[in-house]
Amino acid sequence: MTLPFNVISAGKIVAAVRSDDTFSNTKIMVGGLTLNQTVELWRSLGADGTASNAEEAVTLARQWLEEQGGNDSAHA
């Protein structure tokens, strides 16, 4: 998320995903300049995590996979 005015829409999107049982096991990661500048904003949106860059996003996604017992070694 780059611009602050997108915060409300992002929160609505996260809430919509959370309200659909189809996605009950789905992790939600958010990121972008606005989130990088506001500590813990990602939590208030209801996301499971945030990353300040692509490398951090991959690291967090791999951590989530490991927690679920997944194995993404074929893509490493």
N, C-alpha and C. Protein backbone atom coordinates (compact mmCIF):
# COMPACT_ATOMS: atom_id res chain seq x y z
N MET A 1 0.84 -1.15 0.00
CA MET A 1 0.00 0.00 0.00
C MET A 1 0.90 1.23 0.00
N THR A 2 0.75 2.05 -1.01
CA THR A 2 1.62 3.20 -1.14
C THR A 2 1.04 4.46 -0.53
N LEU A 3 -0.23 4.68 -0.72
CA LEU A 3 -0.85 5.93 -0.26
C LEU A 3 -1.77 5.70 0.94
N PRO A 4 -1.71 6.60 1.90
CA PRO A 4 -2.50 6.44 3.12
C PRO A 4 -4.01 6.30 2.89
N PHE A 5 -4.54 6.92 1.84
CA PHE A 5 -5.99 6.83 1.64
C PHE A 5 -6.44 5.42 1.28
N ASN A 6 -5.50 4.53 0.99
CA ASN A 6 -5.84 3.14 0.69
C ASN A 6 -6.01 2.27 1.93
N VAL A 7 -5.71 2.82 3.09
CA VAL A 7 -5.79 2.03 4.34
C VAL A 7 -7.20 1.51 4.56
N ILE A 8 -8.19 2.34 4.38
CA ILE A 8 -9.57 1.92 4.62
C ILE A 8 -9.95 0.78 3.67
N SER A 9 -9.61 0.93 2.40
CA SER A 9 -9.92 -0.12 1.43
C SER A 9 -9.19 -1.41 1.76
N ALA A 10 -7.93 -1.30 2.17
CA ALA A 10 -7.17 -2.50 2.52
C ALA A 10 -7.82 -3.22 3.70
N GLY A 11 -8.26 -2.47 4.68
CA GLY A 11 -8.95 -3.06 5.83
C GLY A 11 -10.22 -3.78 5.42
N LYS A 12 -10.96 -3.19 4.47
CA LYS A 12 -12.18 -3.82 3.99
C LYS A 12 -11.89 -5.11 3.23
N ILE A 13 -10.81 -5.11 2.47
CA ILE A 13 -10.43 -6.32 1.73
C ILE A 13 -10.04 -7.43 2.70
N VAL A 14 -9.24 -7.10 3.69
CA VAL A 14 -8.84 -8.10 4.69
C VAL A 14 -10.08 -8.64 5.40
N ALA A 15 -10.99 -7.76 5.78
CA ALA A 15 -12.21 -8.18 6.47
C ALA A 15 -13.05 -9.10 5.57
N ALA A 16 -13.12 -8.79 4.28
CA ALA A 16 -13.89 -9.62 3.35
C ALA A 16 -13.28 -11.02 3.23
N VAL A 17 -11.96 -11.09 3.16
CA VAL A 17 -11.30 -12.39 3.09
C VAL A 17 -11.55 -13.17 4.38
N ARG A 18 -11.43 -12.49 5.50
CA ARG A 18 -11.63 -13.14 6.80
C ARG A 18 -13.07 -13.65 6.96
N SER A 19 -14.03 -12.98 6.35
CA SER A 19 -15.43 -13.36 6.53
C SER A 19 -15.85 -14.56 5.67
N ASP A 20 -15.00 -14.96 4.73
CA ASP A 20 -15.32 -16.07 3.83
C ASP A 20 -14.61 -17.33 4.35
N ASP A 21 -15.39 -18.32 4.75
CA ASP A 21 -14.84 -19.56 5.29
C ASP A 21 -13.91 -20.29 4.32
N THR A 22 -14.06 -20.02 3.03
CA THR A 22 -13.19 -20.63 2.03
C THR A 22 -11.73 -20.31 2.31
N PHE A 23 -11.49 -19.15 2.90
CA PHE A 23 -10.13 -18.68 3.14
C PHE A 23 -9.73 -18.76 4.62
N SER A 24 -10.37 -19.64 5.37
CA SER A 24 -10.13 -19.69 6.82
C SER A 24 -8.69 -20.02 7.17
N ASN A 25 -7.97 -20.71 6.31
CA ASN A 25 -6.57 -21.05 6.58
C ASN A 25 -5.57 -20.18 5.83
N THR A 26 -6.07 -19.12 5.21
CA THR A 26 -5.23 -18.25 4.39
C THR A 26 -4.56 -17.19 5.25
N LYS A 27 -3.26 -17.06 5.09
CA LYS A 27 -2.51 -15.99 5.76
C LYS A 27 -2.56 -14.75 4.87
N ILE A 28 -2.65 -13.60 5.51
CA ILE A 28 -2.69 -12.33 4.77
C ILE A 28 -1.46 -11.51 5.15
N MET A 29 -0.70 -11.15 4.13
CA MET A 29 0.48 -10.31 4.31
C MET A 29 0.22 -8.99 3.58
N VAL A 30 0.56 -7.90 4.23
CA VAL A 30 0.42 -6.58 3.62
C VAL A 30 1.77 -5.88 3.65
N GLY A 31 1.91 -4.90 2.81
CA GLY A 31 3.16 -4.15 2.78
C GLY A 31 2.99 -2.88 1.98
N GLY A 32 4.05 -2.11 1.96
CA GLY A 32 4.04 -0.86 1.22
C GLY A 32 4.51 0.29 2.08
N LEU A 33 4.72 1.40 1.43
CA LEU A 33 5.29 2.57 2.10
C LEU A 33 4.48 3.01 3.32
N THR A 34 3.18 3.09 3.17
CA THR A 34 2.35 3.53 4.29
C THR A 34 2.50 2.61 5.49
N LEU A 35 2.53 1.32 5.24
CA LEU A 35 2.67 0.36 6.33
C LEU A 35 4.07 0.38 6.92
N ASN A 36 5.06 0.67 6.10
CA ASN A 36 6.44 0.76 6.60
C ASN A 36 6.62 1.95 7.53
N GLN A 37 5.82 2.98 7.33
CA GLN A 37 5.97 4.21 8.11
C GLN A 37 5.12 4.23 9.37
N THR A 38 4.20 3.30 9.50
CA THR A 38 3.29 3.30 10.63
C THR A 38 3.38 1.96 11.36
N VAL A 39 4.07 1.96 12.47
CA VAL A 39 4.30 0.73 13.23
C VAL A 39 2.96 0.11 13.65
N GLU A 40 2.85 -1.18 13.42
CA GLU A 40 1.69 -1.98 13.84
C GLU A 40 0.39 -1.67 13.09
N LEU A 41 0.42 -0.84 12.06
CA LEU A 41 -0.79 -0.58 11.27
C LEU A 41 -1.32 -1.86 10.65
N TRP A 42 -0.41 -2.73 10.24
CA TRP A 42 -0.83 -3.99 9.62
C TRP A 42 -1.72 -4.80 10.55
N ARG A 43 -1.43 -4.74 11.86
CA ARG A 43 -2.26 -5.47 12.82
C ARG A 43 -3.68 -4.90 12.88
N SER A 44 -3.78 -3.59 12.84
CA SER A 44 -5.11 -2.97 12.91
C SER A 44 -5.93 -3.28 11.66
N LEU A 45 -5.27 -3.64 10.57
CA LEU A 45 -5.99 -4.04 9.35
C LEU A 45 -6.47 -5.48 9.43
N GLY A 46 -5.95 -6.23 10.40
CA GLY A 46 -6.34 -7.63 10.55
C GLY A 46 -5.45 -8.59 9.78
N ALA A 47 -4.32 -8.10 9.29
CA ALA A 47 -3.39 -8.95 8.54
C ALA A 47 -2.60 -9.84 9.51
N ASP A 48 -2.02 -10.88 8.95
CA ASP A 48 -1.21 -11.81 9.75
C ASP A 48 0.25 -11.37 9.82
N GLY A 49 0.65 -10.50 8.91
CA GLY A 49 2.03 -10.06 8.91
C GLY A 49 2.27 -8.98 7.88
N THR A 50 3.48 -8.44 7.92
CA THR A 50 3.87 -7.41 6.97
C THR A 50 5.33 -7.60 6.62
N ALA A 51 5.73 -7.03 5.52
CA ALA A 51 7.12 -7.07 5.09
C ALA A 51 7.46 -5.73 4.46
N SER A 52 8.66 -5.26 4.71
CA SER A 52 9.04 -3.96 4.18
C SER A 52 9.67 -4.05 2.79
N ASN A 53 9.96 -5.28 2.34
CA ASN A 53 10.49 -5.46 0.99
C ASN A 53 10.23 -6.90 0.54
N ALA A 54 10.56 -7.17 -0.70
CA ALA A 54 10.27 -8.49 -1.27
C ALA A 54 11.02 -9.61 -0.55
N GLU A 55 12.26 -9.35 -0.17
CA GLU A 55 13.04 -10.38 0.51
C GLU A 55 12.40 -10.75 1.85
N GLU A 56 11.94 -9.76 2.60
CA GLU A 56 11.26 -10.03 3.86
C GLU A 56 9.95 -10.77 3.62
N ALA A 57 9.26 -10.44 2.54
CA ALA A 57 7.99 -11.11 2.22
C ALA A 57 8.21 -12.59 1.96
N VAL A 58 9.26 -12.92 1.21
CA VAL A 58 9.57 -14.32 0.93
C VAL A 58 9.95 -15.04 2.22
N THR A 59 10.74 -14.39 3.05
CA THR A 59 11.15 -14.99 4.33
C THR A 59 9.94 -15.30 5.19
N LEU A 60 9.02 -14.34 5.29
CA LEU A 60 7.82 -14.55 6.10
C LEU A 60 6.94 -15.65 5.51
N ALA A 61 6.77 -15.64 4.21
CA ALA A 61 5.96 -16.68 3.57
C ALA A 61 6.55 -18.07 3.81
N ARG A 62 7.87 -18.19 3.72
CA ARG A 62 8.52 -19.47 3.99
C ARG A 62 8.33 -19.89 5.44
N GLN A 63 8.40 -18.93 6.34
CA GLN A 63 8.17 -19.22 7.77
C GLN A 63 6.76 -19.76 7.97
N TRP A 64 5.79 -19.14 7.34
CA TRP A 64 4.42 -19.61 7.46
C TRP A 64 4.28 -21.02 6.91
N LEU A 65 4.91 -21.30 5.78
CA LEU A 65 4.85 -22.65 5.21
C LEU A 65 5.45 -23.67 6.16
N GLU A 66 6.57 -23.34 6.76
CA GLU A 66 7.20 -24.26 7.71
C GLU A 66 6.31 -24.51 8.91
N GLU A 67 5.63 -23.47 9.38
CA GLU A 67 4.72 -23.61 10.53
C GLU A 67 3.56 -24.53 10.20
N GLN A 68 3.16 -24.54 8.92
CA GLN A 68 2.05 -25.40 8.49
C GLN A 68 2.53 -26.78 8.08
N GLY A 69 3.82 -27.00 8.16
CA GLY A 69 4.36 -28.29 7.78
C GLY A 69 4.58 -28.43 6.29
N GLY A 70 4.49 -27.30 5.57
CA GLY A 70 4.70 -27.33 4.12
C GLY A 70 6.17 -27.42 3.78
N ASN A 71 6.44 -27.76 2.56
CA ASN A 71 7.81 -27.89 2.11
C ASN A 71 7.92 -27.22 0.75
N ASP A 72 8.63 -26.09 0.69
CA ASP A 72 8.79 -25.40 -0.58
C ASP A 72 10.21 -25.53 -1.09
N SER A 73 10.92 -26.57 -0.68
CA SER A 73 12.32 -26.74 -1.05
C SER A 73 12.50 -26.87 -2.57
N ALA A 74 11.49 -27.30 -3.29
CA ALA A 74 11.59 -27.42 -4.73
C ALA A 74 11.71 -26.05 -5.39
N HIS A 75 11.34 -25.00 -4.68
CA HIS A 75 11.40 -23.66 -5.23
C HIS A 75 12.56 -22.86 -4.67
N ALA A 76 13.37 -23.44 -3.83
CA ALA A 76 14.46 -22.69 -3.19
C ALA A 76 15.63 -22.51 -4.11
